């Protein structure tokens, strides 16, 4: 799972301006890094230009994904990730980036910023580093992983019961805790499932 770039733009009727960008191109060869940054900046700008205000989108380009969030006020963010980086996580991260940017750089100054050097926002590199590991940065990712782990444990438990040679059908037949009606329900459900599996 890799986050390669976060870029902040400002979309107006006269065009799109880049406010700030942060990159992690350490996985590229030394000679490709400049070109990789330039291409990410170029495609990010095109994506913001082609996106309507108040929209979100994710676009695949070769093995990379570009996630774009454009707010109604024209402030926009684009992140570049690999395919394992979840779109939901990228969107959550970009929302936090834009909230932080808007809190630290007053909207009245946005029209005066014509190039990245004029923007005094310094937190983007920190966001890039923090969100490399979504499990630490995003509580929802942590919860989802814990749920997935629980599913695996539950599956393993059922498998271990079956491996001991016990069959659920036999346990249901022998059970004194189940009423005849519950046993009949189970039997009919099994027959329906077998029927549906053949289709």
N, C-alpha and C. Protein backbone atom coordinates (compact mmCIF):
# COMPACT_ATOMS: atom_id res chain seq x y z
N UNK A 1 0.85 -1.17 0.00
CA UNK A 1 0.00 0.00 0.00
C UNK A 1 0.90 1.24 0.00
N UNK A 2 0.69 2.11 -0.98
CA UNK A 2 1.60 3.25 -1.14
C UNK A 2 0.85 4.51 -1.52
N UNK A 3 1.21 5.60 -0.87
CA UNK A 3 0.72 6.93 -1.20
C UNK A 3 1.89 7.70 -1.80
N UNK A 4 1.80 8.02 -3.08
CA UNK A 4 2.91 8.66 -3.78
C UNK A 4 2.88 10.18 -3.71
N UNK A 5 1.68 10.76 -3.70
CA UNK A 5 1.60 12.23 -3.75
C UNK A 5 0.29 12.74 -3.20
N UNK A 6 0.37 13.96 -2.65
CA UNK A 6 -0.83 14.73 -2.30
C UNK A 6 -0.60 16.12 -2.90
N UNK A 7 -1.57 16.59 -3.65
CA UNK A 7 -1.45 17.90 -4.31
C UNK A 7 -2.69 18.73 -4.03
N UNK A 8 -2.49 19.99 -3.71
CA UNK A 8 -3.60 20.91 -3.45
C UNK A 8 -3.67 21.91 -4.60
N UNK A 9 -4.87 22.10 -5.13
CA UNK A 9 -5.09 23.01 -6.25
C UNK A 9 -6.20 24.00 -5.90
N UNK A 10 -6.28 25.03 -6.75
CA UNK A 10 -7.38 25.98 -6.63
C UNK A 10 -7.98 26.17 -8.02
N UNK A 11 -9.26 25.82 -8.14
CA UNK A 11 -9.94 25.88 -9.43
C UNK A 11 -10.81 27.14 -9.49
N UNK A 12 -10.56 27.96 -10.52
CA UNK A 12 -11.38 29.15 -10.75
C UNK A 12 -11.84 29.12 -12.21
N UNK A 13 -12.62 30.11 -12.58
CA UNK A 13 -13.08 30.19 -13.98
C UNK A 13 -11.92 30.41 -14.94
N UNK A 14 -10.85 31.03 -14.46
CA UNK A 14 -9.70 31.30 -15.33
C UNK A 14 -8.71 30.15 -15.41
N UNK A 15 -8.93 29.09 -14.63
CA UNK A 15 -8.04 27.94 -14.71
C UNK A 15 -7.77 27.31 -13.35
N UNK A 16 -6.77 26.42 -13.33
CA UNK A 16 -6.40 25.69 -12.10
C UNK A 16 -4.97 26.06 -11.74
N UNK A 17 -4.78 26.44 -10.48
CA UNK A 17 -3.44 26.76 -9.98
C UNK A 17 -3.02 25.75 -8.93
N UNK A 18 -1.77 25.41 -8.93
CA UNK A 18 -1.22 24.49 -7.92
C UNK A 18 -0.81 25.30 -6.70
N UNK A 19 -1.35 24.94 -5.53
CA UNK A 19 -1.00 25.62 -4.29
C UNK A 19 0.16 24.95 -3.57
N UNK A 20 0.10 23.64 -3.43
CA UNK A 20 1.14 22.91 -2.70
C UNK A 20 1.13 21.46 -3.11
N UNK A 21 2.28 20.81 -3.06
CA UNK A 21 2.36 19.38 -3.37
C UNK A 21 3.45 18.72 -2.54
N UNK A 22 3.24 17.46 -2.23
CA UNK A 22 4.22 16.65 -1.50
C UNK A 22 4.29 15.29 -2.16
N UNK A 23 5.50 14.76 -2.29
CA UNK A 23 5.71 13.51 -3.01
C UNK A 23 6.55 12.53 -2.20
N UNK A 24 6.28 11.25 -2.43
CA UNK A 24 7.16 10.19 -1.95
C UNK A 24 7.47 9.34 -3.18
N UNK A 25 8.58 9.66 -3.83
CA UNK A 25 8.96 8.96 -5.06
C UNK A 25 10.19 8.08 -4.82
N UNK A 26 10.37 7.67 -3.56
CA UNK A 26 11.54 6.86 -3.20
C UNK A 26 11.55 5.50 -3.90
N UNK A 27 10.38 5.02 -4.33
CA UNK A 27 10.31 3.73 -5.01
C UNK A 27 10.71 3.82 -6.49
N UNK A 28 10.85 5.04 -7.00
CA UNK A 28 11.30 5.24 -8.38
C UNK A 28 12.83 5.34 -8.40
N UNK A 29 13.42 5.04 -9.54
CA UNK A 29 14.87 5.20 -9.64
C UNK A 29 15.22 6.69 -9.56
N UNK A 30 16.44 6.98 -9.18
CA UNK A 30 16.87 8.37 -8.98
C UNK A 30 16.60 9.22 -10.23
N UNK A 31 16.84 8.65 -11.39
CA UNK A 31 16.71 9.40 -12.63
C UNK A 31 15.25 9.58 -13.07
N UNK A 32 14.33 8.80 -12.51
CA UNK A 32 12.91 8.90 -12.87
C UNK A 32 12.12 9.81 -11.94
N UNK A 33 12.68 10.17 -10.82
CA UNK A 33 11.92 10.89 -9.78
C UNK A 33 11.38 12.23 -10.25
N UNK A 34 12.19 13.01 -10.93
CA UNK A 34 11.75 14.32 -11.42
C UNK A 34 10.61 14.17 -12.42
N UNK A 35 10.75 13.22 -13.33
CA UNK A 35 9.70 12.98 -14.33
C UNK A 35 8.42 12.47 -13.68
N UNK A 36 8.56 11.61 -12.67
CA UNK A 36 7.38 11.08 -11.98
C UNK A 36 6.61 12.20 -11.30
N UNK A 37 7.31 13.11 -10.61
CA UNK A 37 6.65 14.25 -9.96
C UNK A 37 5.94 15.13 -10.99
N UNK A 38 6.65 15.41 -12.07
CA UNK A 38 6.08 16.26 -13.13
C UNK A 38 4.82 15.65 -13.72
N UNK A 39 4.85 14.33 -13.96
CA UNK A 39 3.69 13.66 -14.55
C UNK A 39 2.52 13.65 -13.57
N UNK A 40 2.80 13.42 -12.28
CA UNK A 40 1.73 13.43 -11.28
C UNK A 40 1.08 14.82 -11.20
N UNK A 41 1.91 15.85 -11.21
CA UNK A 41 1.40 17.22 -11.15
C UNK A 41 0.54 17.53 -12.39
N UNK A 42 1.01 17.09 -13.54
CA UNK A 42 0.31 17.33 -14.81
C UNK A 42 -1.05 16.62 -14.83
N UNK A 43 -1.07 15.32 -14.47
CA UNK A 43 -2.33 14.57 -14.51
C UNK A 43 -3.28 15.04 -13.41
N UNK A 44 -2.73 15.43 -12.27
CA UNK A 44 -3.57 15.96 -11.20
C UNK A 44 -4.29 17.23 -11.62
N UNK A 45 -3.56 18.10 -12.29
CA UNK A 45 -4.14 19.36 -12.76
C UNK A 45 -5.23 19.11 -13.80
N UNK A 46 -4.98 18.19 -14.71
CA UNK A 46 -6.00 17.84 -15.73
C UNK A 46 -7.26 17.30 -15.05
N UNK A 47 -7.07 16.44 -14.06
CA UNK A 47 -8.21 15.85 -13.36
C UNK A 47 -9.06 16.91 -12.68
N UNK A 48 -8.41 17.89 -12.05
CA UNK A 48 -9.15 18.97 -11.39
C UNK A 48 -9.86 19.83 -12.43
N UNK A 49 -9.18 20.13 -13.53
CA UNK A 49 -9.80 20.92 -14.61
C UNK A 49 -11.06 20.26 -15.13
N UNK A 50 -11.04 18.95 -15.28
CA UNK A 50 -12.17 18.21 -15.87
C UNK A 50 -13.26 17.84 -14.86
N UNK A 51 -13.00 18.10 -13.58
CA UNK A 51 -13.98 17.75 -12.54
C UNK A 51 -14.84 18.97 -12.20
N UNK A 52 -16.10 18.72 -11.97
CA UNK A 52 -17.02 19.79 -11.57
C UNK A 52 -16.81 20.13 -10.10
N UNK A 53 -17.21 21.32 -9.71
CA UNK A 53 -17.14 21.71 -8.31
C UNK A 53 -18.04 20.79 -7.49
N UNK A 54 -17.59 20.44 -6.30
CA UNK A 54 -18.37 19.60 -5.40
C UNK A 54 -18.40 18.13 -5.79
N UNK A 55 -17.36 17.65 -6.46
CA UNK A 55 -17.35 16.25 -6.89
C UNK A 55 -16.12 15.51 -6.36
N UNK A 56 -16.25 14.18 -6.38
CA UNK A 56 -15.15 13.27 -6.02
C UNK A 56 -15.01 12.26 -7.15
N UNK A 57 -13.80 11.84 -7.42
CA UNK A 57 -13.61 10.81 -8.45
C UNK A 57 -12.30 10.07 -8.21
N UNK A 58 -12.23 8.87 -8.75
CA UNK A 58 -11.00 8.07 -8.73
C UNK A 58 -10.77 7.57 -10.14
N UNK A 59 -9.54 7.72 -10.61
CA UNK A 59 -9.20 7.36 -11.98
C UNK A 59 -7.97 6.47 -11.96
N UNK A 60 -8.00 5.42 -12.78
CA UNK A 60 -6.86 4.50 -12.89
C UNK A 60 -6.00 4.89 -14.08
N UNK A 61 -4.71 4.99 -13.85
CA UNK A 61 -3.75 5.26 -14.93
C UNK A 61 -2.61 4.26 -14.77
N UNK A 62 -2.56 3.28 -15.69
CA UNK A 62 -1.63 2.16 -15.58
C UNK A 62 -1.82 1.48 -14.22
N UNK A 63 -0.77 1.36 -13.40
CA UNK A 63 -0.94 0.71 -12.10
C UNK A 63 -1.18 1.72 -10.97
N UNK A 64 -1.39 2.98 -11.33
CA UNK A 64 -1.61 4.03 -10.33
C UNK A 64 -3.07 4.48 -10.31
N UNK A 65 -3.49 5.00 -9.16
CA UNK A 65 -4.83 5.56 -9.01
C UNK A 65 -4.72 7.01 -8.60
N UNK A 66 -5.49 7.87 -9.25
CA UNK A 66 -5.56 9.28 -8.88
C UNK A 66 -6.94 9.52 -8.28
N UNK A 67 -6.96 10.02 -7.05
CA UNK A 67 -8.20 10.31 -6.35
C UNK A 67 -8.33 11.83 -6.29
N UNK A 68 -9.49 12.34 -6.68
CA UNK A 68 -9.68 13.78 -6.79
C UNK A 68 -10.90 14.22 -5.98
N UNK A 69 -10.73 15.30 -5.26
CA UNK A 69 -11.81 15.90 -4.47
C UNK A 69 -11.82 17.39 -4.75
N UNK A 70 -12.92 17.89 -5.31
CA UNK A 70 -13.03 19.31 -5.63
C UNK A 70 -14.20 19.88 -4.82
N UNK A 71 -13.91 20.84 -3.98
CA UNK A 71 -14.96 21.46 -3.15
C UNK A 71 -15.70 22.54 -3.94
N UNK A 72 -16.83 22.92 -3.42
CA UNK A 72 -17.67 23.95 -4.05
C UNK A 72 -16.94 25.28 -4.18
N UNK A 73 -16.02 25.57 -3.26
CA UNK A 73 -15.30 26.85 -3.29
C UNK A 73 -14.07 26.82 -4.20
N UNK A 74 -13.86 25.70 -4.90
CA UNK A 74 -12.74 25.60 -5.84
C UNK A 74 -11.49 24.98 -5.27
N UNK A 75 -11.39 24.86 -3.95
CA UNK A 75 -10.23 24.22 -3.34
C UNK A 75 -10.30 22.73 -3.66
N UNK A 76 -9.20 22.16 -4.11
CA UNK A 76 -9.20 20.77 -4.57
C UNK A 76 -7.94 20.04 -4.08
N UNK A 77 -8.07 18.73 -3.98
CA UNK A 77 -6.92 17.88 -3.64
C UNK A 77 -6.91 16.67 -4.54
N UNK A 78 -5.71 16.24 -4.89
CA UNK A 78 -5.52 15.02 -5.68
C UNK A 78 -4.46 14.20 -4.96
N UNK A 79 -4.72 12.89 -4.84
CA UNK A 79 -3.70 12.00 -4.29
C UNK A 79 -3.43 10.90 -5.31
N UNK A 80 -2.18 10.46 -5.34
CA UNK A 80 -1.76 9.38 -6.24
C UNK A 80 -1.35 8.21 -5.37
N UNK A 81 -1.97 7.04 -5.65
CA UNK A 81 -1.72 5.86 -4.83
C UNK A 81 -1.54 4.63 -5.71
N UNK A 82 -1.18 3.52 -5.07
CA UNK A 82 -1.19 2.25 -5.79
C UNK A 82 -2.59 1.64 -5.65
N UNK A 83 -2.79 0.47 -6.25
CA UNK A 83 -4.14 -0.11 -6.28
C UNK A 83 -4.59 -0.62 -4.92
N UNK A 84 -3.68 -0.92 -4.00
CA UNK A 84 -4.06 -1.42 -2.68
C UNK A 84 -4.57 -0.34 -1.75
N UNK A 85 -4.23 0.91 -2.04
CA UNK A 85 -4.64 2.02 -1.19
C UNK A 85 -6.12 2.29 -1.45
N UNK A 86 -6.96 2.12 -0.44
CA UNK A 86 -8.40 2.24 -0.62
C UNK A 86 -8.83 3.65 -0.97
N UNK A 87 -9.79 3.74 -1.89
CA UNK A 87 -10.33 5.03 -2.30
C UNK A 87 -10.96 5.77 -1.12
N UNK A 88 -11.66 5.05 -0.26
CA UNK A 88 -12.29 5.67 0.91
C UNK A 88 -11.25 6.33 1.81
N UNK A 89 -10.13 5.66 1.99
CA UNK A 89 -9.06 6.20 2.84
C UNK A 89 -8.46 7.45 2.19
N UNK A 90 -8.24 7.40 0.88
CA UNK A 90 -7.68 8.55 0.17
C UNK A 90 -8.61 9.76 0.28
N UNK A 91 -9.91 9.54 0.12
CA UNK A 91 -10.88 10.64 0.21
C UNK A 91 -10.92 11.22 1.63
N UNK A 92 -10.89 10.36 2.64
CA UNK A 92 -10.88 10.81 4.03
C UNK A 92 -9.65 11.67 4.29
N UNK A 93 -8.50 11.20 3.83
CA UNK A 93 -7.25 11.93 4.01
C UNK A 93 -7.32 13.30 3.32
N UNK A 94 -7.84 13.35 2.09
CA UNK A 94 -7.90 14.62 1.36
C UNK A 94 -8.86 15.60 2.02
N UNK A 95 -9.95 15.10 2.59
CA UNK A 95 -10.87 15.98 3.33
C UNK A 95 -10.13 16.64 4.49
N UNK A 96 -9.34 15.85 5.21
CA UNK A 96 -8.59 16.38 6.35
C UNK A 96 -7.53 17.38 5.88
N UNK A 97 -6.88 17.10 4.76
CA UNK A 97 -5.88 18.01 4.20
C UNK A 97 -6.52 19.34 3.84
N UNK A 98 -7.65 19.30 3.14
CA UNK A 98 -8.30 20.55 2.73
C UNK A 98 -8.85 21.32 3.92
N UNK A 99 -9.36 20.62 4.93
CA UNK A 99 -9.81 21.30 6.15
C UNK A 99 -8.64 22.02 6.82
N UNK A 100 -7.52 21.33 6.93
CA UNK A 100 -6.33 21.91 7.57
C UNK A 100 -5.81 23.10 6.77
N UNK A 101 -5.77 22.94 5.44
CA UNK A 101 -5.29 24.02 4.57
C UNK A 101 -6.17 25.26 4.73
N UNK A 102 -7.48 25.07 4.67
CA UNK A 102 -8.42 26.19 4.77
C UNK A 102 -8.33 26.88 6.13
N UNK A 103 -7.99 26.12 7.18
CA UNK A 103 -7.86 26.71 8.51
C UNK A 103 -6.56 27.51 8.66
N UNK A 104 -5.53 27.12 7.92
CA UNK A 104 -4.22 27.76 8.08
C UNK A 104 -3.90 28.80 7.01
N UNK A 105 -4.54 28.69 5.85
CA UNK A 105 -4.32 29.66 4.77
C UNK A 105 -5.68 30.31 4.48
N UNK A 106 -5.79 31.57 4.82
CA UNK A 106 -7.08 32.26 4.72
C UNK A 106 -7.56 32.34 3.27
N UNK A 107 -8.85 32.05 3.03
CA UNK A 107 -9.39 32.07 1.67
C UNK A 107 -9.17 33.38 0.91
N UNK A 108 -9.08 34.50 1.62
CA UNK A 108 -8.83 35.78 0.94
C UNK A 108 -7.46 35.82 0.25
N UNK A 109 -6.52 35.01 0.76
CA UNK A 109 -5.17 35.01 0.16
C UNK A 109 -5.05 34.05 -1.03
N UNK A 110 -6.05 33.21 -1.26
CA UNK A 110 -5.96 32.21 -2.33
C UNK A 110 -5.80 32.85 -3.71
N UNK A 111 -6.48 33.95 -3.94
CA UNK A 111 -6.42 34.58 -5.27
C UNK A 111 -5.04 35.18 -5.54
N UNK A 112 -4.27 35.44 -4.49
CA UNK A 112 -2.94 36.06 -4.65
C UNK A 112 -1.84 35.03 -4.90
N UNK A 113 -2.12 33.75 -4.61
CA UNK A 113 -1.10 32.71 -4.78
C UNK A 113 -1.06 32.29 -6.25
N UNK A 114 0.07 32.52 -6.90
CA UNK A 114 0.20 32.15 -8.32
C UNK A 114 1.13 30.96 -8.53
N UNK A 115 2.00 30.67 -7.53
CA UNK A 115 2.88 29.50 -7.61
C UNK A 115 3.12 28.94 -6.22
N UNK A 116 3.58 27.71 -6.15
CA UNK A 116 3.71 27.01 -4.87
C UNK A 116 4.60 27.73 -3.87
N UNK A 117 5.64 28.39 -4.33
CA UNK A 117 6.57 29.08 -3.43
C UNK A 117 5.89 30.19 -2.64
N UNK A 118 4.79 30.73 -3.17
CA UNK A 118 4.07 31.81 -2.51
C UNK A 118 3.08 31.31 -1.44
N UNK A 119 2.88 30.02 -1.38
CA UNK A 119 1.95 29.43 -0.42
C UNK A 119 2.74 28.97 0.80
N UNK A 120 2.39 29.52 1.97
CA UNK A 120 3.17 29.21 3.17
C UNK A 120 2.59 28.05 3.99
N UNK A 121 1.88 27.15 3.35
CA UNK A 121 1.34 25.97 4.02
C UNK A 121 2.45 24.92 4.10
N UNK A 122 2.73 24.42 5.31
CA UNK A 122 3.89 23.52 5.50
C UNK A 122 3.54 22.12 5.98
N UNK A 123 2.26 21.81 6.17
CA UNK A 123 1.88 20.53 6.77
C UNK A 123 1.72 19.38 5.78
N UNK A 124 1.83 19.63 4.49
CA UNK A 124 1.52 18.58 3.51
C UNK A 124 2.49 17.39 3.59
N UNK A 125 3.76 17.66 3.82
CA UNK A 125 4.73 16.56 3.96
C UNK A 125 4.40 15.68 5.16
N UNK A 126 3.91 16.30 6.22
CA UNK A 126 3.52 15.55 7.42
C UNK A 126 2.31 14.67 7.12
N UNK A 127 1.32 15.19 6.39
CA UNK A 127 0.17 14.39 6.00
C UNK A 127 0.62 13.20 5.15
N UNK A 128 1.53 13.45 4.23
CA UNK A 128 2.02 12.38 3.35
C UNK A 128 2.68 11.27 4.17
N UNK A 129 3.49 11.65 5.13
CA UNK A 129 4.17 10.65 5.97
C UNK A 129 3.17 9.89 6.85
N UNK A 130 2.25 10.62 7.48
CA UNK A 130 1.29 10.00 8.39
C UNK A 130 0.37 9.03 7.67
N UNK A 131 -0.10 9.40 6.50
CA UNK A 131 -1.09 8.58 5.78
C UNK A 131 -0.46 7.49 4.91
N UNK A 132 0.86 7.31 5.00
CA UNK A 132 1.48 6.15 4.33
C UNK A 132 0.95 4.87 4.94
N UNK A 133 0.64 4.92 6.24
CA UNK A 133 0.08 3.78 6.94
C UNK A 133 -1.33 4.14 7.40
N UNK A 134 -2.34 3.88 6.58
CA UNK A 134 -3.71 4.27 6.93
C UNK A 134 -4.21 3.65 8.22
N UNK A 135 -3.66 2.51 8.60
CA UNK A 135 -4.11 1.85 9.83
C UNK A 135 -3.87 2.74 11.04
N UNK A 136 -2.76 3.48 11.03
CA UNK A 136 -2.45 4.37 12.15
C UNK A 136 -3.19 5.69 12.03
N UNK A 137 -3.41 6.18 10.81
CA UNK A 137 -4.00 7.50 10.61
C UNK A 137 -5.53 7.48 10.59
N UNK A 138 -6.11 6.38 10.13
CA UNK A 138 -7.56 6.33 9.92
C UNK A 138 -8.19 5.25 10.81
N UNK A 139 -9.00 5.66 11.79
CA UNK A 139 -9.63 4.68 12.69
C UNK A 139 -10.51 3.66 11.96
N UNK A 140 -11.17 4.07 10.89
CA UNK A 140 -12.03 3.15 10.14
C UNK A 140 -11.24 2.00 9.53
N UNK A 141 -10.04 2.27 9.05
CA UNK A 141 -9.20 1.22 8.49
C UNK A 141 -8.85 0.20 9.55
N UNK A 142 -8.52 0.70 10.74
CA UNK A 142 -8.19 -0.19 11.86
C UNK A 142 -9.37 -1.07 12.21
N UNK A 143 -10.56 -0.49 12.30
CA UNK A 143 -11.77 -1.25 12.62
C UNK A 143 -12.04 -2.30 11.56
N UNK A 144 -11.91 -1.92 10.28
CA UNK A 144 -12.15 -2.86 9.18
C UNK A 144 -11.18 -4.03 9.25
N UNK A 145 -9.92 -3.75 9.55
CA UNK A 145 -8.94 -4.84 9.66
C UNK A 145 -9.27 -5.77 10.82
N UNK A 146 -9.75 -5.19 11.92
CA UNK A 146 -10.13 -6.02 13.06
C UNK A 146 -11.33 -6.90 12.71
N UNK A 147 -12.28 -6.35 11.97
CA UNK A 147 -13.44 -7.14 11.52
C UNK A 147 -12.98 -8.27 10.60
N UNK A 148 -12.08 -7.95 9.67
CA UNK A 148 -11.57 -8.99 8.77
C UNK A 148 -10.86 -10.09 9.55
N UNK A 149 -10.09 -9.71 10.58
CA UNK A 149 -9.40 -10.70 11.42
C UNK A 149 -10.42 -11.59 12.12
N UNK A 150 -11.50 -11.00 12.61
CA UNK A 150 -12.55 -11.77 13.30
C UNK A 150 -13.17 -12.77 12.35
N UNK A 151 -13.42 -12.37 11.11
CA UNK A 151 -14.00 -13.28 10.12
C UNK A 151 -13.08 -14.48 9.91
N UNK A 152 -11.78 -14.22 9.85
CA UNK A 152 -10.82 -15.31 9.63
C UNK A 152 -10.82 -16.26 10.82
N UNK A 153 -10.85 -15.73 12.04
CA UNK A 153 -10.87 -16.56 13.24
C UNK A 153 -12.14 -17.40 13.27
N UNK A 154 -13.28 -16.80 12.97
CA UNK A 154 -14.54 -17.54 12.96
C UNK A 154 -14.50 -18.64 11.92
N UNK A 155 -13.98 -18.36 10.75
CA UNK A 155 -13.89 -19.35 9.69
C UNK A 155 -12.99 -20.51 10.13
N UNK A 156 -11.86 -20.18 10.75
CA UNK A 156 -10.95 -21.22 11.22
C UNK A 156 -11.61 -22.09 12.28
N UNK A 157 -12.41 -21.52 13.14
CA UNK A 157 -13.09 -22.29 14.19
C UNK A 157 -14.06 -23.30 13.58
N UNK A 158 -14.85 -22.88 12.60
CA UNK A 158 -15.78 -23.78 11.92
C UNK A 158 -15.01 -24.89 11.21
N UNK A 159 -13.93 -24.53 10.55
CA UNK A 159 -13.11 -25.52 9.86
C UNK A 159 -12.57 -26.56 10.84
N UNK A 160 -12.12 -26.12 12.02
CA UNK A 160 -11.55 -27.07 12.98
C UNK A 160 -12.61 -28.04 13.49
N UNK A 161 -13.85 -27.60 13.63
CA UNK A 161 -14.93 -28.50 14.05
C UNK A 161 -15.15 -29.56 12.98
N UNK A 162 -15.17 -29.14 11.73
CA UNK A 162 -15.40 -30.09 10.64
C UNK A 162 -14.25 -31.08 10.50
N UNK A 163 -13.06 -30.63 10.78
CA UNK A 163 -11.90 -31.51 10.65
C UNK A 163 -11.90 -32.62 11.70
N UNK A 164 -12.56 -32.40 12.82
CA UNK A 164 -12.63 -33.45 13.85
C UNK A 164 -13.61 -34.55 13.47
N UNK A 165 -14.27 -34.39 12.35
CA UNK A 165 -15.18 -35.43 11.89
C UNK A 165 -16.62 -35.21 12.29
N UNK A 166 -16.89 -34.17 13.04
CA UNK A 166 -18.28 -33.90 13.41
C UNK A 166 -18.97 -33.18 12.26
N UNK A 167 -20.22 -33.54 12.05
CA UNK A 167 -21.02 -32.88 11.04
C UNK A 167 -22.15 -32.16 11.73
N UNK A 168 -22.46 -30.99 11.25
CA UNK A 168 -23.53 -30.20 11.84
C UNK A 168 -24.86 -30.93 11.73
N UNK A 169 -25.07 -31.65 10.62
CA UNK A 169 -26.32 -32.41 10.45
C UNK A 169 -26.50 -33.41 11.60
N UNK A 170 -25.42 -34.13 11.95
CA UNK A 170 -25.49 -35.12 13.03
C UNK A 170 -25.77 -34.47 14.38
N UNK A 171 -25.13 -33.31 14.61
CA UNK A 171 -25.33 -32.61 15.87
C UNK A 171 -26.77 -32.13 16.02
N UNK A 172 -27.35 -31.66 14.91
CA UNK A 172 -28.75 -31.20 14.94
C UNK A 172 -29.68 -32.37 15.25
N UNK A 173 -29.44 -33.54 14.60
CA UNK A 173 -30.30 -34.71 14.83
C UNK A 173 -30.24 -35.18 16.27
N UNK A 174 -29.04 -35.15 16.88
CA UNK A 174 -28.84 -35.64 18.24
C UNK A 174 -29.28 -34.64 19.31
N UNK A 175 -29.40 -33.39 18.94
CA UNK A 175 -29.67 -32.34 19.93
C UNK A 175 -31.02 -32.51 20.61
N UNK A 176 -30.99 -32.38 21.93
CA UNK A 176 -32.22 -32.42 22.71
C UNK A 176 -32.71 -31.00 22.98
N UNK A 177 -31.86 -30.01 22.69
CA UNK A 177 -32.21 -28.61 22.95
C UNK A 177 -33.02 -27.99 21.81
N UNK A 178 -33.05 -28.65 20.66
CA UNK A 178 -33.80 -28.13 19.52
C UNK A 178 -35.16 -28.81 19.42
N UNK A 179 -36.18 -28.05 19.15
CA UNK A 179 -37.51 -28.62 18.96
C UNK A 179 -37.57 -29.32 17.61
N UNK A 180 -38.55 -30.17 17.45
CA UNK A 180 -38.74 -30.85 16.16
C UNK A 180 -38.95 -29.84 15.05
N UNK A 181 -39.63 -28.76 15.35
CA UNK A 181 -39.89 -27.73 14.35
C UNK A 181 -38.58 -27.07 13.90
N UNK A 182 -37.67 -26.79 14.84
CA UNK A 182 -36.37 -26.20 14.50
C UNK A 182 -35.53 -27.15 13.68
N UNK A 183 -35.59 -28.45 14.02
CA UNK A 183 -34.86 -29.46 13.25
C UNK A 183 -35.39 -29.53 11.83
N UNK A 184 -36.71 -29.47 11.69
CA UNK A 184 -37.34 -29.50 10.37
C UNK A 184 -36.93 -28.27 9.56
N UNK A 185 -36.91 -27.11 10.22
CA UNK A 185 -36.49 -25.87 9.55
C UNK A 185 -35.07 -26.01 9.03
N UNK A 186 -34.17 -26.52 9.86
CA UNK A 186 -32.76 -26.70 9.47
C UNK A 186 -32.66 -27.64 8.27
N UNK A 187 -33.36 -28.76 8.32
CA UNK A 187 -33.32 -29.75 7.24
C UNK A 187 -33.81 -29.14 5.93
N UNK A 188 -34.91 -28.40 5.98
CA UNK A 188 -35.45 -27.78 4.77
C UNK A 188 -34.50 -26.71 4.22
N UNK A 189 -33.89 -25.96 5.12
CA UNK A 189 -32.93 -24.93 4.69
C UNK A 189 -31.74 -25.57 3.99
N UNK A 190 -31.25 -26.67 4.53
CA UNK A 190 -30.12 -27.38 3.91
C UNK A 190 -30.48 -27.87 2.51
N UNK A 191 -31.71 -28.42 2.38
CA UNK A 191 -32.15 -28.91 1.07
C UNK A 191 -32.22 -27.76 0.07
N UNK A 192 -32.73 -26.61 0.51
CA UNK A 192 -32.83 -25.43 -0.37
C UNK A 192 -31.44 -24.96 -0.79
N UNK A 193 -30.50 -24.95 0.14
CA UNK A 193 -29.14 -24.52 -0.17
C UNK A 193 -28.47 -25.46 -1.16
N UNK A 194 -28.67 -26.78 -0.97
CA UNK A 194 -28.10 -27.75 -1.89
C UNK A 194 -28.68 -27.57 -3.29
N UNK A 195 -29.98 -27.33 -3.35
CA UNK A 195 -30.67 -27.11 -4.62
C UNK A 195 -30.10 -25.88 -5.33
N UNK A 196 -29.90 -24.82 -4.58
CA UNK A 196 -29.40 -23.57 -5.17
C UNK A 196 -27.95 -23.68 -5.59
N UNK A 197 -27.17 -24.52 -4.91
CA UNK A 197 -25.74 -24.68 -5.25
C UNK A 197 -25.55 -25.38 -6.59
N UNK A 198 -26.51 -26.18 -7.00
CA UNK A 198 -26.37 -26.89 -8.26
C UNK A 198 -26.64 -26.01 -9.45
N UNK A 199 -27.35 -24.92 -9.25
CA UNK A 199 -27.75 -24.06 -10.37
C UNK A 199 -26.59 -23.28 -10.89
